[in-house]
C-alpha atoms as a PDB file:
ATOM      1  CA  ARG A   1      31.355 -11.622   8.537  1.00  0.00           C
ATOM      2  CA  ALA A   2      31.156 -15.200   9.778  1.00  0.00           C
ATOM      3  CA  ASP A   3      31.552 -14.244  13.449  1.00  0.00           C
ATOM      4  CA  ALA A   4      28.492 -11.978  13.561  1.00  0.00           C
ATOM      5  CA  VAL A   5      24.823 -11.968  12.697  1.00  0.00           C
ATOM      6  CA  ARG A   6      23.582  -8.778  11.075  1.00  0.00           C
ATOM      7  CA  ILE A   7      19.924  -7.797  11.346  1.00  0.00           C
ATOM      8  CA  GLY A   8      18.329  -5.481   8.803  1.00  0.00           C
ATOM      9  CA  ASN A   9      14.916  -4.653   7.422  1.00  0.00           C
ATOM     10  CA  CYS A  10      13.880  -7.063   4.690  1.00  0.00           C
ATOM     11  CA  ARG A  11      12.072  -5.321   1.852  1.00  0.00           C
ATOM     12  CA  ALA A  12      10.296  -7.853  -0.334  1.00  0.00           C
ATOM     13  CA  TRP A  13       8.062  -5.801  -2.611  1.00  0.00           C
ATOM     14  CA  LYS A  14       7.979  -6.886  -6.229  1.00  0.00           C
ATOM     15  CA  PRO A  15      10.722  -5.332  -8.397  1.00  0.00           C
ATOM     16  CA  ASP A  16       8.165  -4.086 -10.930  1.00  0.00           C
ATOM     17  CA  LEU A  17       6.051  -2.627  -8.078  1.00  0.00           C
ATOM     18  CA  SER A  18       3.052  -4.777  -9.008  1.00  0.00           C
ATOM     19  CA  VAL A  19       0.548  -5.557  -6.261  1.00  0.00           C
ATOM     20  CA  MET A  20       1.179  -8.493  -3.977  1.00  0.00           C
ATOM     21  CA  GLY A  21      -1.644 -11.005  -4.294  1.00  0.00           C
ATOM     22  CA  LEU A  22      -2.808 -13.214  -1.449  1.00  0.00           C
ATOM     23  CA  PRO A  23      -4.091 -16.796  -1.558  1.00  0.00           C
ATOM     24  CA  THR A  24      -7.241 -15.608   0.208  1.00  0.00           C
ATOM     25  CA  ASP A  25      -8.151 -13.123  -2.554  1.00  0.00           C
ATOM     26  CA  ASP A  26     -11.478 -13.966  -4.130  1.00  0.00           C
ATOM     27  CA  ALA A  27     -11.937 -14.085  -7.898  1.00  0.00           C
ATOM     28  CA  GLU A  28     -13.450 -10.599  -8.079  1.00  0.00           C
ATOM     29  CA  MET A  29     -10.526  -9.056  -6.204  1.00  0.00           C
ATOM     30  CA  ARG A  30      -8.012 -10.807  -8.463  1.00  0.00           C
ATOM     31  CA  ARG A  31      -9.847  -9.705 -11.600  1.00  0.00           C
ATOM     32  CA  PHE A  32     -10.005  -6.074 -10.468  1.00  0.00           C
ATOM     33  CA  ILE A  33      -6.294  -5.876  -9.620  1.00  0.00           C
ATOM     34  CA  ALA A  34      -5.419  -7.568 -12.914  1.00  0.00           C
ATOM     35  CA  ALA A  35      -7.585  -5.074 -14.830  1.00  0.00           C
ATOM     36  CA  VAL A  36      -5.980  -2.092 -13.082  1.00  0.00           C
ATOM     37  CA  GLN A  37      -2.450  -3.370 -13.682  1.00  0.00           C
ATOM     38  CA  GLY A  38      -3.161  -4.497 -17.225  1.00  0.00           C
ATOM     39  CA  ARG A  39      -1.988  -8.050 -16.665  1.00  0.00           C
ATOM     40  CA  ALA A  40      -3.081 -11.138 -14.805  1.00  0.00           C
ATOM     41  CA  ALA A  41      -1.052 -12.945 -12.189  1.00  0.00           C
ATOM     42  CA  ASP A  42       1.317 -15.502 -13.707  1.00  0.00           C
ATOM     43  CA  VAL A  43       0.663 -18.017 -10.930  1.00  0.00           C
ATOM     44  CA  GLU A  44      -2.703 -19.319  -9.812  1.00  0.00           C
ATOM     45  CA  LEU A  45      -3.246 -20.579  -6.294  1.00  0.00           C
ATOM     46  CA  THR A  46      -5.429 -23.534  -5.462  1.00  0.00           C
ATOM     47  CA  ARG A  47      -5.997 -25.547  -2.318  1.00  0.00           C
ATOM     48  CA  ASN A  48      -4.886 -29.069  -1.553  1.00  0.00           C
ATOM     49  CA  ARG A  49      -8.176 -30.283  -0.165  1.00  0.00           C
ATOM     50  CA  THR A  50      -6.717 -33.397   1.411  1.00  0.00           C
ATOM     51  CA  SER A  51      -4.293 -31.580   3.712  1.00  0.00           C
ATOM     52  CA  GLY A  52      -5.698 -28.054   3.808  1.00  0.00           C
ATOM     53  CA  LEU A  53      -2.292 -26.624   2.883  1.00  0.00           C
ATOM     54  CA  LEU A  54      -1.688 -24.305  -0.050  1.00  0.00           C
ATOM     55  CA  VAL A  55      -0.153 -25.607  -3.244  1.00  0.00           C
ATOM     56  CA  ILE A  56       1.202 -23.784  -6.286  1.00  0.00           C
ATOM     57  CA  CYS A  57      -0.224 -24.926  -9.610  1.00  0.00           C
ATOM     58  CA  ARG A  58       1.297 -24.111 -12.970  1.00  0.00           C
ATOM     59  CA  GLN A  59      -0.786 -24.403 -16.122  1.00  0.00           C
ATOM     60  CA  GLU A  60       0.596 -25.514 -19.458  1.00  0.00           C
ATOM     61  CA  GLY A  61       0.466 -22.568 -21.858  1.00  0.00           C
ATOM     62  CA  GLY A  62      -1.236 -24.282 -24.781  1.00  0.00           C
ATOM     63  CA  ARG A  63      -3.875 -26.084 -22.773  1.00  0.00           C
ATOM     64  CA  PRO A  64      -5.964 -23.620 -20.738  1.00  0.00           C
ATOM     65  CA  GLY A  65      -7.620 -25.118 -17.707  1.00  0.00           C
ATOM     66  CA  GLN A  66      -5.197 -28.057 -17.570  1.00  0.00           C
ATOM     67  CA  ILE A  67      -2.868 -28.106 -14.566  1.00  0.00           C
ATOM     68  CA  TRP A  68       0.582 -29.133 -15.720  1.00  0.00           C
ATOM     69  CA  ARG A  69       2.373 -29.381 -12.389  1.00  0.00           C
ATOM     70  CA  ILE A  70       1.578 -29.029  -8.688  1.00  0.00           C
ATOM     71  CA  ASP A  71       4.279 -28.068  -6.178  1.00  0.00           C
ATOM     72  CA  ARG A  72       3.336 -28.760  -2.576  1.00  0.00           C
ATOM     73  CA  HIS A  73       5.047 -26.848   0.201  1.00  0.00           C
ATOM     74  CA  LEU A  74       5.137 -27.492   3.906  1.00  0.00           C
ATOM     75  CA  ASN A  75       3.373 -24.890   5.996  1.00  0.00           C
ATOM     76  CA  VAL A  76       6.106 -22.467   7.103  1.00  0.00           C
ATOM     77  CA  LEU A  77       3.748 -19.729   8.279  1.00  0.00           C
ATOM     78  CA  ASP A  78       3.849 -20.681  11.954  1.00  0.00           C
ATOM     79  CA  GLU A  79       5.655 -18.178  14.157  1.00  0.00           C
ATOM     80  CA  GLU A  80       8.229 -20.726  15.297  1.00  0.00           C
ATOM     81  CA  TYR A  81       9.545 -20.975  11.738  1.00  0.00           C
ATOM     82  CA  PHE A  82      10.793 -17.388  11.923  1.00  0.00           C
ATOM     83  CA  HIS A  83      12.535 -17.688  15.286  1.00  0.00           C
ATOM     84  CA  PHE A  84      16.312 -17.494  15.115  1.00  0.00           C
ATOM     85  CA  SER A  85      18.443 -20.262  16.645  1.00  0.00           C
ATOM     86  CA  TRP A  86      22.020 -19.024  16.473  1.00  0.00           C
ATOM     87  CA  PRO A  87      24.359 -19.683  19.435  1.00  0.00           C
ATOM     88  CA  GLU A  88      24.113 -17.355  22.429  1.00  0.00           C
ATOM     89  CA  THR A  89      27.780 -16.481  21.994  1.00  0.00           C
ATOM     90  CA  MET A  90      27.208 -15.171  18.471  1.00  0.00           C
ATOM     91  CA  ARG A  91      27.774 -11.424  18.101  1.00  0.00           C
ATOM     92  CA  VAL A  92      24.632  -9.633  16.879  1.00  0.00           C
ATOM     93  CA  ILE A  93      24.779  -6.364  14.937  1.00  0.00           C
ATOM     94  CA  ASP A  94      21.402  -4.683  14.497  1.00  0.00           C
ATOM     95  CA  GLU A  95      21.569  -2.367  11.488  1.00  0.00           C
ATOM     96  CA  ARG A  96      17.950  -1.217  11.633  1.00  0.00           C
ATOM     97  CA  ASP A  97      16.893   2.289  12.606  1.00  0.00           C
ATOM     98  CA  ALA A  98      15.793   2.870  16.193  1.00  0.00           C
ATOM     99  CA  MET A  99      12.049   2.529  15.678  1.00  0.00           C
ATOM    100  CA  HIS A 100      12.305  -0.730  13.721  1.00  0.00           C
ATOM    101  CA  GLU A 101      14.778  -2.149  16.229  1.00  0.00           C
ATOM    102  CA  ARG A 102      12.283  -1.289  18.974  1.00  0.00           C
ATOM    103  CA  GLY A 103       9.509  -2.989  17.003  1.00  0.00           C
ATOM    104  CA  TRP A 104       6.974  -0.159  17.297  1.00  0.00           C
ATOM    105  CA  THR A 105       6.790   3.610  17.392  1.00  0.00           C
ATOM    106  CA  CYS A 106       4.512   6.593  17.845  1.00  0.00           C
ATOM    107  CA  PHE A 107       3.671   9.060  15.096  1.00  0.00           C
ATOM    108  CA  ARG A 108       2.146  12.487  14.555  1.00  0.00           C
ATOM    109  CA  ILE A 109      -0.229  13.735  11.871  1.00  0.00           C
ATOM    110  CA  SER A 110      -0.597  17.374  10.855  1.00  0.00           C
ATOM    111  CA  GLY A 111      -2.180  19.220   7.970  1.00  0.00           C
ATOM    112  CA  THR A 112      -5.374  20.622   6.521  1.00  0.00           C
ATOM    113  CA  VAL A 113      -8.338  19.022   4.783  1.00  0.00           C
ATOM    114  CA  GLY A 114     -10.803  21.381   3.156  1.00  0.00           C
ATOM    115  CA  ASP A 115     -11.137  24.383   5.453  1.00  0.00           C
ATOM    116  CA  ARG A 116     -10.277  22.349   8.556  1.00  0.00           C
ATOM    117  CA  THR A 117      -6.979  22.018  10.385  1.00  0.00           C
ATOM    118  CA  VAL A 118      -6.164  18.429  11.307  1.00  0.00           C
ATOM    119  CA  SER A 119      -3.770  17.054  13.924  1.00  0.00           C
ATOM    120  CA  GLY A 120      -3.339  13.619  15.390  1.00  0.00           C
ATOM    121  CA  THR A 121      -1.204  11.018  17.098  1.00  0.00           C
ATOM    122  CA  GLY A 122      -0.989   7.258  16.961  1.00  0.00           C
ATOM    123  CA  ARG A 123       0.980   4.137  17.694  1.00  0.00           C
ATOM    124  CA  LEU A 124       2.282   1.765  15.039  1.00  0.00           C
ATOM    125  CA  PRO A 125       3.625  -1.755  15.706  1.00  0.00           C
ATOM    126  CA  PHE A 126       5.952  -3.001  12.988  1.00  0.00           C
ATOM    127  CA  VAL A 127       5.644  -6.733  13.672  1.00  0.00           C
ATOM    128  CA  TYR A 128       2.839  -8.950  14.890  1.00  0.00           C
ATOM    129  CA  ALA A 129       4.576  -9.790  18.169  1.00  0.00           C
ATOM    130  CA  SER A 130       4.859  -6.080  19.048  1.00  0.00           C
ATOM    131  CA  ALA A 131       1.168  -5.562  18.301  1.00  0.00           C
ATOM    132  CA  GLN A 132       0.240  -7.716  21.273  1.00  0.00           C
ATOM    133  CA  GLU A 133       1.868  -5.400  23.830  1.00  0.00           C
ATOM    134  CA  HIS A 134       1.907  -2.147  21.851  1.00  0.00           C
ATOM    135  CA  SER A 135      -1.387  -2.354  19.990  1.00  0.00           C
ATOM    136  CA  PRO A 136      -2.137   0.105  17.171  1.00  0.00           C
ATOM    137  CA  TRP A 137      -4.273   3.140  17.865  1.00  0.00           C
ATOM    138  CA  LEU A 138      -5.062   6.428  16.185  1.00  0.00           C
ATOM    139  CA  ARG A 139      -6.568   9.705  17.345  1.00  0.00           C
ATOM    140  CA  ILE A 140      -7.254  12.566  14.909  1.00  0.00           C
ATOM    141  CA  GLU A 141      -8.705  15.933  15.909  1.00  0.00           C
ATOM    142  CA  ALA A 142     -10.279  18.336  13.408  1.00  0.00           C
ATOM    143  CA  SER A 143     -10.690  22.067  13.983  1.00  0.00           C
ATOM    144  CA  ASP A 144     -14.485  21.704  13.790  1.00  0.00           C
ATOM    145  CA  GLY A 145     -14.352  19.921  17.156  1.00  0.00           C
ATOM    146  CA  ARG A 146     -14.688  16.328  15.999  1.00  0.00           C
ATOM    147  CA  THR A 147     -12.313  13.586  17.140  1.00  0.00           C
ATOM    148  CA  PHE A 148     -11.701  10.350  15.227  1.00  0.00           C
ATOM    149  CA  VAL A 149     -10.538   7.439  17.395  1.00  0.00           C
ATOM    150  CA  ASP A 150      -9.457   3.970  16.287  1.00  0.00           C
ATOM    151  CA  THR A 151      -8.359   1.026  18.457  1.00  0.00           C
ATOM    152  CA  PRO A 152      -8.422  -2.757  17.949  1.00  0.00           C
ATOM    153  CA  ARG A 153     -11.613  -2.932  19.983  1.00  0.00           C
ATOM    154  CA  GLY A 154     -13.512  -0.333  17.961  1.00  0.00           C
ATOM    155  CA  ALA A 155     -13.500   3.050  16.240  1.00  0.00           C
ATOM    156  CA  GLU A 156     -15.714   6.071  16.726  1.00  0.00           C
ATOM    157  CA  ILE A 157     -16.296   9.718  15.888  1.00  0.00           C
ATOM    158  CA  ARG A 158     -16.885  12.090  18.809  1.00  0.00           C
ATOM    159  CA  ASP A 159     -18.267  15.631  18.734  1.00  0.00           C
ATOM    160  CA  ARG A 160     -16.687  18.651  20.437  1.00  0.00           C
ATOM    161  CA  ASP A 161     -18.424  17.699  23.713  1.00  0.00           C
ATOM    162  CA  GLY A 162     -16.986  14.187  23.658  1.00  0.00           C
ATOM    163  CA  ARG A 163     -20.262  12.512  22.739  1.00  0.00           C
ATOM    164  CA  VAL A 164     -20.021   9.542  20.383  1.00  0.00           C
ATOM    165  CA  VAL A 165     -21.889  10.300  17.162  1.00  0.00           C
ATOM    166  CA  GLU A 166     -20.924   7.184  15.196  1.00  0.00           C
ATOM    167  CA  ARG A 167     -19.276   3.832  15.938  1.00  0.00           C
ATOM    168  CA  PHE A 168     -17.385   1.477  13.646  1.00  0.00           C
ATOM    169  CA  GLU A 169     -15.438  -1.743  13.832  1.00  0.00           C
ATOM    170  CA  GLY A 170     -11.806  -1.365  14.875  1.00  0.00           C
ATOM    171  CA  GLY A 171      -9.415  -0.527  12.030  1.00  0.00           C
ATOM    172  CA  ARG A 172     -11.805   1.809  10.195  1.00  0.00           C
ATOM    173  CA  PHE A 173      -9.401   4.804  10.253  1.00  0.00           C
ATOM    174  CA  PHE A 174      -6.304   2.680   9.597  1.00  0.00           C
ATOM    175  CA  LYS A 175      -7.585   1.946   6.088  1.00  0.00           C
ATOM    176  CA  GLY A 176      -5.155   3.491   3.629  1.00  0.00           C
ATOM    177  CA  LEU A 177      -2.475   3.738   6.337  1.00  0.00           C
ATOM    178  CA  PRO A 178       0.488   1.409   6.960  1.00  0.00           C
ATOM    179  CA  ARG A 179      -0.342  -1.736   8.915  1.00  0.00           C
ATOM    180  CA  PRO A 180       3.031  -3.549   8.884  1.00  0.00           C
ATOM    181  CA  TRP A 181       2.085  -5.882  11.734  1.00  0.00           C
ATOM    182  CA  MET A 182      -0.308  -7.546   9.255  1.00  0.00           C
ATOM    183  CA  GLY A 183       2.611  -8.651   7.080  1.00  0.00           C
ATOM    184  CA  LEU A 184       2.272  -6.463   3.966  1.00  0.00           C
ATOM    185  CA  HIS A 185       4.410  -3.614   2.709  1.00  0.00           C
ATOM    186  CA  CYS A 186       2.880  -0.152   2.853  1.00  0.00           C
ATOM    187  CA  ILE A 187       2.431   0.191  -0.923  1.00  0.00           C
ATOM    188  CA  ASP A 188       0.530  -3.098  -1.038  1.00  0.00           C
ATOM    189  CA  THR A 189      -1.632  -2.170   1.953  1.00  0.00           C
ATOM    190  CA  VAL A 190      -2.710   1.111   0.330  1.00  0.00           C
ATOM    191  CA  ARG A 191      -3.351  -0.420  -3.089  1.00  0.00           C
ATOM    192  CA  ARG A 192      -5.216  -3.417  -1.744  1.00  0.00           C
ATOM    193  CA  ASP A 193      -7.373  -1.094   0.379  1.00  0.00           C
ATOM    194  CA  ALA A 194      -8.164   0.816  -2.810  1.00  0.00           C
ATOM    195  CA  ALA A 195      -8.935  -2.412  -4.656  1.00  0.00           C
ATOM    196  CA  GLU A 196     -11.336  -3.491  -1.907  1.00  0.00           C
ATOM    197  CA  CYS A 197     -13.312  -0.310  -2.655  1.00  0.00           C
ATOM    198  CA  ARG A 198     -12.931  -0.997  -6.406  1.00  0.00           C
ATOM    199  CA  LEU A 199     -11.014   2.245  -6.834  1.00  0.00           C
ATOM    200  CA  ARG A 200      -8.543   2.548  -9.697  1.00  0.00           C
ATOM    201  CA  PHE A 201      -4.944   3.293  -8.720  1.00  0.00           C
ATOM    202  CA  GLU A 202      -1.553   3.975 -10.276  1.00  0.00           C
ATOM    203  CA  THR A 203       1.947   3.424  -8.906  1.00  0.00           C
ATOM    204  CA  ALA A 204       4.950   5.554  -9.877  1.00  0.00           C
ATOM    205  CA  ALA A 205       8.463   5.703  -8.464  1.00  0.00           C
ATOM    206  CA  ARG A 206       9.746   9.159  -7.556  1.00  0.00           C
ATOM    207  CA  ASN A 207      12.920  10.542  -9.095  1.00  0.00           C
ATOM    208  CA  ASP A 208      14.731  10.407  -5.752  1.00  0.00           C
ATOM    209  CA  GLY A 209      14.567   6.612  -5.920  1.00  0.00           C
ATOM    210  CA  ASN A 210      13.442   6.106  -2.321  1.00  0.00           C
ATOM    211  CA  ALA A 211       9.782   7.088  -2.567  1.00  0.00           C
ATOM    212  CA  VAL A 212       6.771   5.882  -4.518  1.00  0.00           C
ATOM    213  CA  ASN A 213       3.517   7.700  -5.244  1.00  0.00           C
ATOM    214  CA  VAL A 214       0.312   5.677  -5.142  1.00  0.00           C
ATOM    215  CA  THR A 215      -2.501   7.648  -6.788  1.00  0.00           C
ATOM    216  CA  VAL A 216      -6.060   6.532  -6.026  1.00  0.00           C
ATOM    217  CA  TYR A 217      -8.958   7.821  -8.128  1.00  0.00           C
ATOM    218  CA  THR A 218     -12.522   8.245  -6.874  1.00  0.00           C
ATOM    219  CA  ASP A 219     -15.521   9.674  -8.740  1.00  0.00           C
ATOM    220  CA  ASP A 220     -14.814  13.254  -7.651  1.00  0.00           C
ATOM    221  CA  MET A 221     -11.482  13.181  -5.844  1.00  0.00           C
ATOM    222  CA  THR A 222      -7.892  11.995  -6.226  1.00  0.00           C
ATOM    223  CA  LEU A 223      -5.746  10.798  -3.317  1.00  0.00           C
ATOM    224  CA  VAL A 224      -1.952  10.713  -3.647  1.00  0.00           C
ATOM    225  CA  TYR A 225      -0.029   8.664  -1.076  1.00  0.00           C
ATOM    226  CA  THR A 226       3.733   9.203  -0.875  1.00  0.00           C
ATOM    227  CA  VAL A 227       5.401   6.095   0.547  1.00  0.00           C
ATOM    228  CA  ASP A 228       8.953   5.962   1.890  1.00  0.00           C
ATOM    229  CA  MET A 229      10.122   2.590   0.599  1.00  0.00           C
ATOM    230  CA  GLU A 230      13.047   2.253   3.006  1.00  0.00           C
ATOM    231  CA  THR A 231      11.170   2.912   6.239  1.00  0.00           C
ATOM    232  CA  ASP A 232       7.995   1.441   4.686  1.00  0.00           C
ATOM    233  CA  VAL A 233       5.623   4.140   5.924  1.00  0.00           C
ATOM    234  CA  ILE A 234       3.462   6.907   4.471  1.00  0.00           C
ATOM    235  CA  GLU A 235       5.067  10.351   4.363  1.00  0.00           C
ATOM    236  CA  THR A 236       2.134  12.380   3.039  1.00  0.00           C
ATOM    237  CA  ILE A 237      -1.429  12.032   1.799  1.00  0.00           C
ATOM    238  CA  GLU A 238      -2.591  14.716  -0.636  1.00  0.00           C
ATOM    239  CA  LEU A 239      -6.222  15.256  -1.623  1.00  0.00           C
ATOM    240  CA  PHE A 240      -7.283  16.855  -4.900  1.00  0.00           C
ATOM    241  CA  ALA A 241     -10.687  17.828  -6.282  1.00  0.00           C
ATOM    242  CA  GLY A 242     -10.335  16.141  -9.645  1.00  0.00           C
ATOM    243  CA  ALA A 243      -6.940  15.745 -11.299  1.00  0.00           C
ATOM    244  CA  PRO A 244      -3.829  15.865  -9.070  1.00  0.00           C
ATOM    245  CA  ALA A 245      -2.785  19.447  -9.866  1.00  0.00           C
ATOM    246  CA  GLU A 246      -1.715  22.159  -7.434  1.00  0.00           C
ATOM    247  CA  SER A 247      -4.745  24.279  -8.332  1.00  0.00           C
ATOM    248  CA  ASN A 248      -7.026  21.388  -7.330  1.00  0.00           C
ATOM    249  CA  ARG A 249      -5.421  20.668  -3.967  1.00  0.00           C
ATOM    250  CA  ILE A 250      -7.953  20.521  -1.126  1.00  0.00           C
ATOM    251  CA  GLY A 251      -5.861  18.922   1.582  1.00  0.00           C
ATOM    252  CA  ARG A 252      -2.577  17.474   2.740  1.00  0.00           C
ATOM    253  CA  LEU A 253      -1.639  15.341   5.742  1.00  0.00           C
ATOM    254  CA  ASP A 254       1.984  14.954   6.856  1.00  0.00           C
ATOM    255  CA  PHE A 255       3.157  12.013   8.963  1.00  0.00           C
ATOM    256  CA  THR A 256       6.128  12.110  11.354  1.00  0.00           C
ATOM    257  CA  TYR A 257       7.423   8.894  12.949  1.00  0.00           C
ATOM    258  CA  LEU A 258       9.479   9.047  16.137  1.00  0.00           C
ATOM    259  CA  GLN A 259      12.848   7.315  16.139  1.00  0.00           C
ATOM    260  CA  ALA A 260      13.351   8.255  19.794  1.00  0.00           C
ATOM    261  CA  LEU A 261      10.346   8.200  22.091  1.00  0.00           C
ATOM    262  CA  PRO A 262       9.736  11.198  24.369  1.00  0.00           C
ATOM    263  CA  GLU A 263      10.223  11.058  28.102  1.00  0.00           C
ATOM    264  CA  ALA A 264       7.465   9.303  30.008  1.00  0.00           C
ATOM    265  CA  SER A 265       6.002  12.545  31.354  1.00  0.00           C
ATOM    266  CA  ASP A 266       5.791  14.081  27.874  1.00  0.00           C
ATOM    267  CA  ALA A 267       4.546  10.886  26.266  1.00  0.00           C
ATOM    268  CA  GLN A 268       1.735  10.656  28.793  1.00  0.00           C
ATOM    269  CA  ALA A 269       0.304  13.931  27.567  1.00  0.00           C
ATOM    270  CA  THR A 270       0.983  13.532  23.846  1.00  0.00           C
ATOM    271  CA  PHE A 271       0.850   9.804  23.178  1.00  0.00           C
ATOM    272  CA  ASP A 272      -1.567   8.552  25.791  1.00  0.00           C
ATOM    273  CA  ALA A 273      -3.654   5.804  24.179  1.00  0.00           C
ATOM    274  CA  PRO A 274      -7.318   6.776  23.818  1.00  0.00           C
ATOM    275  CA  ALA A 275      -9.969   5.085  25.897  1.00  0.00           C
ATOM    276  CA  GLN A 276     -11.155   1.881  24.273  1.00  0.00           C
ATOM    277  CA  PRO A 277     -14.520   2.449  22.582  1.00  0.00           C
ATOM    278  CA  ARG A 278     -17.340   0.311  23.861  1.00  0.00           C
ATOM    279  CA  SER A 279     -17.903  -2.715  21.678  1.00  0.00           C
ATOM    280  CA  THR A 280     -21.173  -2.681  19.810  1.00  0.00           C
ATOM    281  CA  THR A 281     -23.003  -5.017  17.477  1.00  0.00           C
ATOM    282  CA  ALA A 282     -24.552  -2.055  15.659  1.00  0.00           C
ATOM    283  CA  ALA A 283     -21.350  -0.599  14.238  1.00  0.00           C
ATOM    284  CA  ALA A 284     -21.799   1.451  11.069  1.00  0.00           C
ATOM    285  CA  GLN A 285     -20.469   0.121   7.783  1.00  0.00           C
ATOM    286  CA  GLY A 286     -17.024   1.498   6.942  1.00  0.00           C
ATOM    287  CA  THR A 287     -16.068   3.114   3.635  1.00  0.00           C
ATOM    288  CA  GLY A 288     -12.513   1.815   3.396  1.00  0.00           C
ATOM    289  CA  LEU A 289      -9.807   4.389   2.756  1.00  0.00           C
ATOM    290  CA  LEU A 290     -12.498   6.930   1.796  1.00  0.00           C
ATOM    291  CA  TRP A 291     -12.915   7.707   5.495  1.00  0.00           C
ATOM    292  CA  LEU A 292     -10.699  10.716   4.711  1.00  0.00           C
ATOM    293  CA  THR A 293     -13.736  12.360   3.153  1.00  0.00           C
ATOM    294  CA  ASP A 294     -15.313  12.409   6.626  1.00  0.00           C
ATOM    295  CA  LEU A 295     -12.743  15.063   7.534  1.00  0.00           C
ATOM    296  CA  ILE A 296     -14.181  17.315   4.831  1.00  0.00           C
ATOM    297  CA  THR A 297     -17.907  16.800   5.276  1.00  0.00           C
ATOM    298  CA  GLU A 298     -19.551  16.639   8.672  1.00  0.00           C
ATOM    299  CA  ARG A 299     -22.324  14.086   8.871  1.00  0.00           C
END
């Protein structure tokens, strides 16, 4: 209607579910994704060295290496470009669910990996602006006594006595998990994390039409991520020893996202942000989304 502005979630994944490429991808990353998908990107990106802005170049089909046309675009990536400017008297109808309207939410993790029970909590900002006040964090506890903590400042693994046994850069345990505040859809975040580790992956839509399975293959394990395409989050992560068959299942993690936040007294106990790990210049090298294997094998 002309007398109202309606706000909804904008889902901009590619219709064929191919991976979203970024202008910052190096040649090796582009080649790997193209090899996995069986086709190269139909548009190459180059840089306008005089202005520093990105341009789109199109090559003429019969003359490889010859740029046929260059389209230059103004830089519309600044935050101000996305700010709305409708009149204050305009009626606004927000059609998003509660957690997306809020801009962030808390979530729970439960399941088993190997012979260990796993539980956890975390906070997930949906947009960059929310990440400033409600920064992402993650805390996972395994039944063997270890705790995995991740904050923007740093990540660490603690033993049952609370002693830090290993430190990492912040974001280590968010690899393979949704990071919407970074501007990518969940399916692209998972697949690009896999590509960074040079792990082959497959993407398949579920029969229900609202979920997609991203299957990531390692040398001795298969990870299956079920992504809710409407809410743009991970529902489950399943781990298999070998092929993804029920007889090979060695773990499953279920994710629950809160539409309504608990009362302050309850949230303090359940969703209290972990203490920020001390920054260190000697952080261990991360293993990308394969950090899940740390839940199986104690170092």
